[in-house]
Amino acid sequence: MTTPEQLKGYIQAGMECEYCEVSGDGQHFEAIIVSALFRGKRKVQQHQVVYAALGERMRSEIHALSMQTLTPEDWANRSE
């Protein structure tokens, strides 16, 4: 079973991230991912970048992934 820590490692190994936080129960995961790679991309395109980084794991190991994708600027300007 995949742990949130493993999933975080997979994301960070597959793409450049300024920040990555993952939580979940081994089947369903939630992630906050901050990356300059998201600049100029729509949300769907940003999610595709993450899916590409995870590759086949999305089909075999990860049942569900809900993610919030942000550029570094969005992350810096987010309202708490």
Protein backbone atom coordinates (compact mmCIF):
# COMPACT_ATOMS: atom_id res chain seq x y z
CA MET A 1 0.00 0.00 0.00
CA THR A 2 1.30 3.43 -0.94
CA THR A 3 1.85 5.87 1.91
CA PRO A 4 1.46 9.65 1.69
CA GLU A 5 5.24 9.95 2.18
CA GLN A 6 5.90 7.62 -0.77
CA LEU A 7 3.48 9.52 -2.98
CA LYS A 8 5.17 12.79 -2.05
CA GLY A 9 8.51 11.25 -2.99
CA TYR A 10 7.15 10.06 -6.35
CA ILE A 11 5.85 13.55 -7.15
CA GLN A 12 9.09 15.25 -6.12
CA ALA A 13 11.18 12.74 -8.09
CA GLY A 14 9.08 13.26 -11.21
CA MET A 15 8.85 17.05 -11.29
CA GLU A 16 10.33 20.20 -9.80
CA CYS A 17 8.35 21.32 -6.75
CA GLU A 18 8.84 24.30 -4.52
CA TYR A 19 6.45 22.71 -2.00
CA CYS A 20 4.62 19.40 -1.81
CA GLU A 21 2.35 18.13 0.95
CA VAL A 22 0.44 14.84 0.73
CA SER A 23 -2.03 13.27 3.12
CA GLY A 24 -4.26 10.25 2.77
CA ASP A 25 -5.16 6.74 3.84
CA GLY A 26 -3.25 4.65 1.30
CA GLN A 27 -6.08 4.60 -1.23
CA HIS A 28 -7.34 8.20 -1.35
CA PHE A 29 -4.87 11.06 -1.25
CA GLU A 30 -4.95 14.85 -1.09
CA ALA A 31 -1.98 16.90 -2.27
CA ILE A 32 -0.90 20.52 -2.36
CA ILE A 33 1.76 21.00 -5.01
CA VAL A 34 3.57 24.24 -5.77
CA SER A 35 5.66 24.33 -8.94
CA ALA A 36 6.95 26.84 -11.46
CA LEU A 37 6.02 24.25 -14.10
CA PHE A 38 2.39 25.29 -13.59
CA ARG A 39 2.93 28.86 -14.82
CA GLY A 40 0.76 29.69 -17.81
CA LYS A 41 -1.18 26.43 -17.61
CA ARG A 42 -4.86 25.88 -16.86
CA LYS A 43 -5.75 23.66 -13.89
CA VAL A 44 -6.37 20.64 -16.12
CA GLN A 45 -2.93 21.09 -17.68
CA GLN A 46 -1.35 21.49 -14.24
CA HIS A 47 -2.93 18.22 -13.10
CA GLN A 48 -1.67 16.53 -16.27
CA VAL A 49 1.88 17.54 -15.29
CA VAL A 50 1.43 15.77 -11.95
CA TYR A 51 -0.16 12.70 -13.59
CA ALA A 52 2.78 12.51 -16.00
CA ALA A 53 5.20 12.64 -13.07
CA LEU A 54 3.37 9.75 -11.42
CA GLY A 55 3.12 7.72 -14.63
CA GLU A 56 1.79 4.17 -14.27
CA ARG A 57 1.42 4.57 -10.51
CA MET A 58 -1.84 6.42 -11.19
CA ARG A 59 -3.23 3.25 -12.75
CA SER A 60 -1.80 0.69 -10.37
CA GLU A 61 -1.00 2.13 -6.93
CA ILE A 62 -3.12 5.24 -6.48
CA HIS A 63 -6.87 4.87 -6.37
CA ALA A 64 -7.77 8.56 -6.03
CA LEU A 65 -5.78 11.79 -5.90
CA SER A 66 -7.33 15.15 -5.18
CA MET A 67 -4.85 17.96 -5.71
CA GLN A 68 -4.48 21.66 -5.35
CA THR A 69 -1.88 22.92 -7.81
CA LEU A 70 -0.36 26.37 -7.45
CA THR A 71 2.38 28.46 -8.99
CA PRO A 72 4.92 29.91 -6.55
CA GLU A 73 3.20 33.28 -7.00
CA ASP A 74 -0.23 31.83 -6.21
CA TRP A 75 1.26 30.11 -3.15
CA ALA A 76 2.86 33.35 -1.92
CA ASN A 77 -0.39 35.31 -2.44
CA ARG A 78 -2.85 32.75 -1.03
CA SER A 79 -5.16 33.95 1.69
CA GLU A 80 -4.88 32.04 4.91
